[in-house]
Amino acid sequence: MYSAADIPVWVAAVVAFFLLLGAALALIGSIGLLRLPTFYERIHAPTLGTSWGIGGIMVGSMLFFSVASSRLAVHEILIGILVTVTTPVTLMMLARAALHRDRVENNGKAPPKHSGRHL
């Protein structure tokens, strides 16, 4: 097994690229969470930032540990699958709860009900 200092430079550059890409996407999602004005607009940004951000970090981690241990390291895929599945489902449930609350309270923040008619 190699130490981090023994990793070839080209592998370190590719790993750094994926780590920075994942971190940038997570940062963009976090900024979207802070900057968008309403709850319904805010709910979309962290989902994409988390899903795509973890993808970049996961690829960088898989590449680093595959090269460092001289064998294929794919256990990070399980983490990526769990995050990709649970984040959108969780935020969808939060959106439905907020939608129900806003419609019951008649506060006007909720999007209008869909009439069921297709144009």
C-alpha atoms as a PDB file:
ATOM      1  CA  MET A   1       0.000   0.000   0.000  1.00  0.00           C
ATOM      2  CA  TYR A   2       1.269   3.426  -0.969  1.00  0.00           C
ATOM      3  CA  SER A   3       1.238   6.472   1.241  1.00  0.00           C
ATOM      4  CA  ALA A   4      -0.263   9.693  -0.059  1.00  0.00           C
ATOM      5  CA  ALA A   5       3.219  11.017  -0.904  1.00  0.00           C
ATOM      6  CA  ASP A   6       3.917   8.003  -3.135  1.00  0.00           C
ATOM      7  CA  ILE A   7       0.888   8.517  -5.404  1.00  0.00           C
ATOM      8  CA  PRO A   8       1.864   9.528  -8.975  1.00  0.00           C
ATOM      9  CA  VAL A   9       1.420  13.210  -9.731  1.00  0.00           C
ATOM     10  CA  TRP A  10      -1.108  12.617 -12.528  1.00  0.00           C
ATOM     11  CA  VAL A  11      -3.308  10.575 -10.177  1.00  0.00           C
ATOM     12  CA  ALA A  12      -3.061  13.265  -7.502  1.00  0.00           C
ATOM     13  CA  ALA A  13      -4.082  15.896 -10.068  1.00  0.00           C
ATOM     14  CA  VAL A  14      -7.123  13.889 -11.191  1.00  0.00           C
ATOM     15  CA  VAL A  15      -8.122  13.190  -7.575  1.00  0.00           C
ATOM     16  CA  ALA A  16      -7.743  16.890  -6.724  1.00  0.00           C
ATOM     17  CA  PHE A  17      -9.881  17.809  -9.748  1.00  0.00           C
ATOM     18  CA  PHE A  18     -12.731  15.541  -8.663  1.00  0.00           C
ATOM     19  CA  LEU A  19     -12.502  16.636  -5.034  1.00  0.00           C
ATOM     20  CA  LEU A  20     -12.598  20.316  -6.007  1.00  0.00           C
ATOM     21  CA  LEU A  21     -15.453  19.680  -8.467  1.00  0.00           C
ATOM     22  CA  GLY A  22     -17.496  17.897  -5.792  1.00  0.00           C
ATOM     23  CA  ALA A  23     -16.761  20.574  -3.219  1.00  0.00           C
ATOM     24  CA  ALA A  24     -17.692  23.343  -5.686  1.00  0.00           C
ATOM     25  CA  LEU A  25     -21.007  21.673  -6.508  1.00  0.00           C
ATOM     26  CA  ALA A  26     -21.799  21.235  -2.822  1.00  0.00           C
ATOM     27  CA  LEU A  27     -20.909  24.903  -2.260  1.00  0.00           C
ATOM     28  CA  ILE A  28     -23.188  25.996  -5.114  1.00  0.00           C
ATOM     29  CA  GLY A  29     -26.027  23.995  -3.555  1.00  0.00           C
ATOM     30  CA  SER A  30     -25.379  25.621  -0.197  1.00  0.00           C
ATOM     31  CA  ILE A  31     -25.330  29.099  -1.713  1.00  0.00           C
ATOM     32  CA  GLY A  32     -28.602  28.317  -3.479  1.00  0.00           C
ATOM     33  CA  LEU A  33     -30.098  27.278  -0.162  1.00  0.00           C
ATOM     34  CA  LEU A  34     -29.138  30.616   1.351  1.00  0.00           C
ATOM     35  CA  ARG A  35     -29.911  32.919  -1.585  1.00  0.00           C
ATOM     36  CA  LEU A  36     -33.202  31.690  -3.041  1.00  0.00           C
ATOM     37  CA  PRO A  37     -36.189  33.551  -1.586  1.00  0.00           C
ATOM     38  CA  THR A  38     -38.888  30.952  -0.899  1.00  0.00           C
ATOM     39  CA  PHE A  39     -38.868  27.505   0.637  1.00  0.00           C
ATOM     40  CA  TYR A  40     -40.157  25.921  -2.564  1.00  0.00           C
ATOM     41  CA  GLU A  41     -37.327  27.438  -4.594  1.00  0.00           C
ATOM     42  CA  ARG A  42     -34.715  26.642  -1.933  1.00  0.00           C
ATOM     43  CA  ILE A  43     -35.521  22.963  -1.783  1.00  0.00           C
ATOM     44  CA  HIS A  44     -34.077  22.205  -5.224  1.00  0.00           C
ATOM     45  CA  ALA A  45     -30.540  23.575  -4.815  1.00  0.00           C
ATOM     46  CA  PRO A  46     -29.294  21.362  -1.946  1.00  0.00           C
ATOM     47  CA  THR A  47     -30.594  18.225  -3.643  1.00  0.00           C
ATOM     48  CA  LEU A  48     -28.504  18.791  -6.744  1.00  0.00           C
ATOM     49  CA  GLY A  49     -25.522  20.078  -4.789  1.00  0.00           C
ATOM     50  CA  THR A  50     -25.505  17.052  -2.524  1.00  0.00           C
ATOM     51  CA  SER A  51     -26.086  14.457  -5.214  1.00  0.00           C
ATOM     52  CA  TRP A  52     -23.613  15.787  -7.760  1.00  0.00           C
ATOM     53  CA  GLY A  53     -21.156  16.984  -5.124  1.00  0.00           C
ATOM     54  CA  ILE A  54     -20.953  13.583  -3.475  1.00  0.00           C
ATOM     55  CA  GLY A  55     -20.461  12.080  -6.943  1.00  0.00           C
ATOM     56  CA  GLY A  56     -17.313  14.087  -7.553  1.00  0.00           C
ATOM     57  CA  ILE A  57     -15.922  13.393  -4.097  1.00  0.00           C
ATOM     58  CA  MET A  58     -16.801   9.708  -4.445  1.00  0.00           C
ATOM     59  CA  VAL A  59     -14.969   9.369  -7.783  1.00  0.00           C
ATOM     60  CA  GLY A  60     -11.900  11.109  -6.365  1.00  0.00           C
ATOM     61  CA  SER A  61     -11.922   8.869  -3.304  1.00  0.00           C
ATOM     62  CA  MET A  62     -12.350   5.703  -5.364  1.00  0.00           C
ATOM     63  CA  LEU A  63      -9.464   6.662  -7.623  1.00  0.00           C
ATOM     64  CA  PHE A  64      -7.159   7.567  -4.737  1.00  0.00           C
ATOM     65  CA  PHE A  65      -7.780   4.425  -2.724  1.00  0.00           C
ATOM     66  CA  SER A  66      -7.667   2.185  -5.798  1.00  0.00           C
ATOM     67  CA  VAL A  67      -4.209   3.483  -6.663  1.00  0.00           C
ATOM     68  CA  ALA A  68      -2.995   3.613  -3.040  1.00  0.00           C
ATOM     69  CA  SER A  69      -4.012   0.031  -2.242  1.00  0.00           C
ATOM     70  CA  SER A  70      -3.196  -1.398  -5.710  1.00  0.00           C
ATOM     71  CA  ARG A  71      -6.678  -2.923  -5.963  1.00  0.00           C
ATOM     72  CA  LEU A  72     -10.075  -1.694  -7.050  1.00  0.00           C
ATOM     73  CA  ALA A  73     -11.841   0.202  -4.246  1.00  0.00           C
ATOM     74  CA  VAL A  74     -15.553   0.526  -4.939  1.00  0.00           C
ATOM     75  CA  HIS A  75     -17.080   0.586  -1.459  1.00  0.00           C
ATOM     76  CA  GLU A  76     -17.728   4.318  -1.901  1.00  0.00           C
ATOM     77  CA  ILE A  77     -20.391   3.460  -4.470  1.00  0.00           C
ATOM     78  CA  LEU A  78     -22.676   2.332  -1.631  1.00  0.00           C
ATOM     79  CA  ILE A  79     -22.349   5.751  -0.004  1.00  0.00           C
ATOM     80  CA  GLY A  80     -23.097   7.448  -3.316  1.00  0.00           C
ATOM     81  CA  ILE A  81     -26.174   5.294  -3.914  1.00  0.00           C
ATOM     82  CA  LEU A  82     -27.532   5.952  -0.433  1.00  0.00           C
ATOM     83  CA  VAL A  83     -27.026   9.706  -0.687  1.00  0.00           C
ATOM     84  CA  THR A  84     -28.437   9.843  -4.215  1.00  0.00           C
ATOM     85  CA  VAL A  85     -31.568   7.951  -3.182  1.00  0.00           C
ATOM     86  CA  THR A  86     -32.238   9.448   0.244  1.00  0.00           C
ATOM     87  CA  THR A  87     -31.610  13.152  -0.408  1.00  0.00           C
ATOM     88  CA  PRO A  88     -34.292  13.704  -3.082  1.00  0.00           C
ATOM     89  CA  VAL A  89     -36.813  11.551  -1.204  1.00  0.00           C
ATOM     90  CA  THR A  90     -36.224  13.463   2.026  1.00  0.00           C
ATOM     91  CA  LEU A  91     -36.572  16.843   0.350  1.00  0.00           C
ATOM     92  CA  MET A  92     -39.696  15.696  -1.498  1.00  0.00           C
ATOM     93  CA  MET A  93     -41.273  14.738   1.827  1.00  0.00           C
ATOM     94  CA  LEU A  94     -40.312  18.128   3.293  1.00  0.00           C
ATOM     95  CA  ALA A  95     -41.864  19.882   0.287  1.00  0.00           C
ATOM     96  CA  ARG A  96     -45.098  17.917   0.623  1.00  0.00           C
ATOM     97  CA  ALA A  97     -45.325  18.691   4.327  1.00  0.00           C
ATOM     98  CA  ALA A  98     -44.773  22.403   3.667  1.00  0.00           C
ATOM     99  CA  LEU A  99     -47.292  22.352   0.833  1.00  0.00           C
ATOM    100  CA  HIS A 100     -49.899  20.733   3.046  1.00  0.00           C
ATOM    101  CA  ARG A 101     -49.219  23.227   5.845  1.00  0.00           C
ATOM    102  CA  ASP A 102     -49.418  26.224   3.520  1.00  0.00           C
ATOM    103  CA  ARG A 103     -52.648  25.036   1.930  1.00  0.00           C
ATOM    104  CA  VAL A 104     -54.300  24.308   5.293  1.00  0.00           C
ATOM    105  CA  GLU A 105     -53.315  27.737   6.621  1.00  0.00           C
ATOM    106  CA  ASN A 106     -54.357  29.480   3.355  1.00  0.00           C
ATOM    107  CA  ASN A 107     -51.360  31.769   3.562  1.00  0.00           C
ATOM    108  CA  GLY A 108     -50.850  32.104  -0.195  1.00  0.00           C
ATOM    109  CA  LYS A 109     -47.288  30.804  -0.258  1.00  0.00           C
ATOM    110  CA  ALA A 110     -48.294  27.437  -1.692  1.00  0.00           C
ATOM    111  CA  PRO A 111     -48.355  26.843  -5.434  1.00  0.00           C
ATOM    112  CA  PRO A 112     -51.900  26.523  -6.797  1.00  0.00           C
ATOM    113  CA  LYS A 113     -53.556  23.112  -6.863  1.00  0.00           C
ATOM    114  CA  HIS A 114     -53.325  21.271 -10.137  1.00  0.00           C
ATOM    115  CA  SER A 115     -56.792  20.924 -11.687  1.00  0.00           C
ATOM    116  CA  GLY A 116     -56.027  17.549 -13.243  1.00  0.00           C
ATOM    117  CA  ARG A 117     -56.693  18.860 -16.760  1.00  0.00           C
ATOM    118  CA  HIS A 118     -54.043  18.600 -19.387  1.00  0.00           C
ATOM    119  CA  LEU A 119     -53.706  21.328 -21.971  1.00  0.00           C
END
